[in-house]
C-alpha cells in the first residue's frame, strides 16, 4: 500500500531534521488512507464470516484497534505540525506496528490477509 510505504519513509528520516510544511499534509493524507483501508477491510472481513459490525465482540474488537490506530495517526500529525521530527517518527513507527497488528488479527481470525473493500 503506497500510503504506508510513504509513512515508513518519513519514519526513517534524519533525527532533528527540519520538517517541511508539506509533511503535515502528507502524514495526514497517508494516515487517513491507511485508516480507511483498515476499516473497510475489517468490515469486509466481519461480513465475510457472517459477523456484522453490530456484533458485540466482532465490531468492538475491530473498533478498539481502529481507535488506537487513529490515535497514533493524530499523534503523528500533531508532532509533524509542531515540527518535532523525532516524535513524529516515533508515532509513525507506532502507527506502522498497529497497522501490522490489525492485518495479523484479521488474518488469524478471519482467514484472509486483507479482504479487499474494492469491487
Protein backbone atom coordinates (compact mmCIF):
# COMPACT_ATOMS: atom_id res chain seq x y z
CA UNK A 1 0.00 0.00 0.00
CA UNK A 2 1.62 3.25 -1.18
CA UNK A 3 0.50 5.47 1.75
CA UNK A 4 2.03 3.07 4.26
CA UNK A 5 5.29 3.00 2.32
CA UNK A 6 5.31 6.79 2.31
CA UNK A 7 4.82 6.84 6.09
CA UNK A 8 7.61 4.31 6.57
CA UNK A 9 9.94 6.53 4.55
CA UNK A 10 9.02 9.55 6.69
CA UNK A 11 9.61 7.49 9.85
CA UNK A 12 13.17 6.78 8.66
CA UNK A 13 14.03 10.46 8.31
CA UNK A 14 17.01 12.07 9.94
CA UNK A 15 16.79 12.93 13.65
CA UNK A 16 16.40 16.62 14.31
CA UNK A 17 15.82 17.41 10.64
CA UNK A 18 13.53 20.33 9.93
CA UNK A 19 10.15 19.25 8.66
CA UNK A 20 8.85 20.93 5.52
CA UNK A 21 5.28 22.19 5.85
CA UNK A 22 4.10 19.64 3.28
CA UNK A 23 4.97 16.81 5.70
CA UNK A 24 1.92 17.63 7.83
CA UNK A 25 -0.34 17.25 4.81
CA UNK A 26 1.47 14.11 3.66
CA UNK A 27 1.18 12.46 7.09
CA UNK A 28 -2.49 13.43 7.38
CA UNK A 29 -3.40 12.13 3.93
CA UNK A 30 -1.40 8.90 4.19
CA UNK A 31 -2.69 8.01 7.67
CA UNK A 32 -6.26 8.74 6.57
CA UNK A 33 -5.84 6.41 3.58
CA UNK A 34 -4.43 3.60 5.74
CA UNK A 35 -7.20 4.08 8.32
CA UNK A 36 -9.87 3.93 5.63
CA UNK A 37 -8.37 0.76 4.15
CA UNK A 38 -8.08 -0.90 7.56
CA UNK A 39 -11.67 -0.04 8.44
CA UNK A 40 -13.05 -1.20 5.09
CA UNK A 41 -11.03 -4.42 5.18
CA UNK A 42 -12.11 -5.10 8.75
CA UNK A 43 -15.77 -4.60 7.96
CA UNK A 44 -15.45 -6.75 4.84
CA UNK A 45 -13.78 -9.50 6.88
CA UNK A 46 -16.52 -9.39 9.51
CA UNK A 47 -19.16 -9.57 6.79
CA UNK A 48 -17.36 -12.43 5.02
CA UNK A 49 -17.55 -14.59 8.13
CA UNK A 50 -21.11 -13.56 8.93
CA UNK A 51 -20.36 -11.23 11.83
CA UNK A 52 -21.98 -7.84 11.43
CA UNK A 53 -20.30 -4.67 12.66
CA UNK A 54 -23.01 -4.52 15.31
CA UNK A 55 -21.90 -7.86 16.79
CA UNK A 56 -20.75 -7.16 20.35
CA UNK A 57 -17.40 -8.93 20.06
CA UNK A 58 -16.55 -8.56 16.39
CA UNK A 59 -17.43 -4.91 15.99
CA UNK A 60 -15.98 -3.82 19.33
CA UNK A 61 -12.79 -5.77 18.75
CA UNK A 62 -12.29 -4.05 15.41
CA UNK A 63 -13.28 -0.61 16.70
CA UNK A 64 -10.82 -0.69 19.61
CA UNK A 65 -7.98 -1.41 17.21
CA UNK A 66 -9.11 1.26 14.76
CA UNK A 67 -9.35 3.78 17.62
CA UNK A 68 -5.75 3.01 18.63
CA UNK A 69 -4.65 3.41 15.03
CA UNK A 70 -6.49 6.75 14.75
CA UNK A 71 -4.88 7.98 17.98
CA UNK A 72 -1.41 7.11 16.65
CA UNK A 73 -2.24 8.97 13.43
CA UNK A 74 -3.37 12.05 15.36
CA UNK A 75 -0.21 11.97 17.48
CA UNK A 76 1.97 11.77 14.34
CA UNK A 77 0.08 14.64 12.69
CA UNK A 78 0.37 16.78 15.84
CA UNK A 79 4.10 16.12 16.10
CA UNK A 80 4.57 17.00 12.42
CA UNK A 81 2.52 20.17 12.91
CA UNK A 82 4.77 21.07 15.88
CA UNK A 83 7.85 20.40 13.75
CA UNK A 84 9.05 17.65 16.11
CA UNK A 85 10.60 15.14 13.72
CA UNK A 86 11.68 12.74 16.47
CA UNK A 87 8.19 12.46 17.96
CA UNK A 88 6.62 12.24 14.52
CA UNK A 89 8.90 9.34 13.61
CA UNK A 90 8.12 7.59 16.91
CA UNK A 91 4.37 7.92 16.34
CA UNK A 92 4.69 6.79 12.72
CA UNK A 93 6.54 3.66 13.85
CA UNK A 94 3.74 3.01 16.36
CA UNK A 95 1.18 3.57 13.59
CA UNK A 96 3.02 1.06 11.39
CA UNK A 97 3.13 -1.51 14.21
CA UNK A 98 -0.59 -1.09 14.92
CA UNK A 99 -1.40 -1.41 11.21
CA UNK A 100 0.57 -4.66 11.01
CA UNK A 101 -1.25 -5.91 14.10
CA UNK A 102 -4.64 -5.23 12.51
CA UNK A 103 -3.71 -7.20 9.39
CA UNK A 104 -2.35 -10.05 11.54
CA UNK A 105 -5.53 -10.23 13.62
CA UNK A 106 -7.69 -10.18 10.51
CA UNK A 107 -5.65 -12.99 9.02
CA UNK A 108 -5.79 -15.17 12.12
CA UNK A 109 -9.45 -14.55 12.95
CA UNK A 110 -10.99 -14.26 9.53
CA UNK A 111 -8.64 -16.33 7.39
CA UNK A 112 -7.53 -13.68 4.94
CA UNK A 113 -4.54 -11.33 4.85
CA UNK A 114 -6.68 -8.45 3.68
CA UNK A 115 -10.19 -8.59 2.42
CA UNK A 116 -10.35 -6.02 -0.32
CA UNK A 117 -13.03 -3.40 0.07
CA UNK A 118 -12.91 -2.64 -3.65
CA UNK A 119 -15.27 -4.41 -6.06
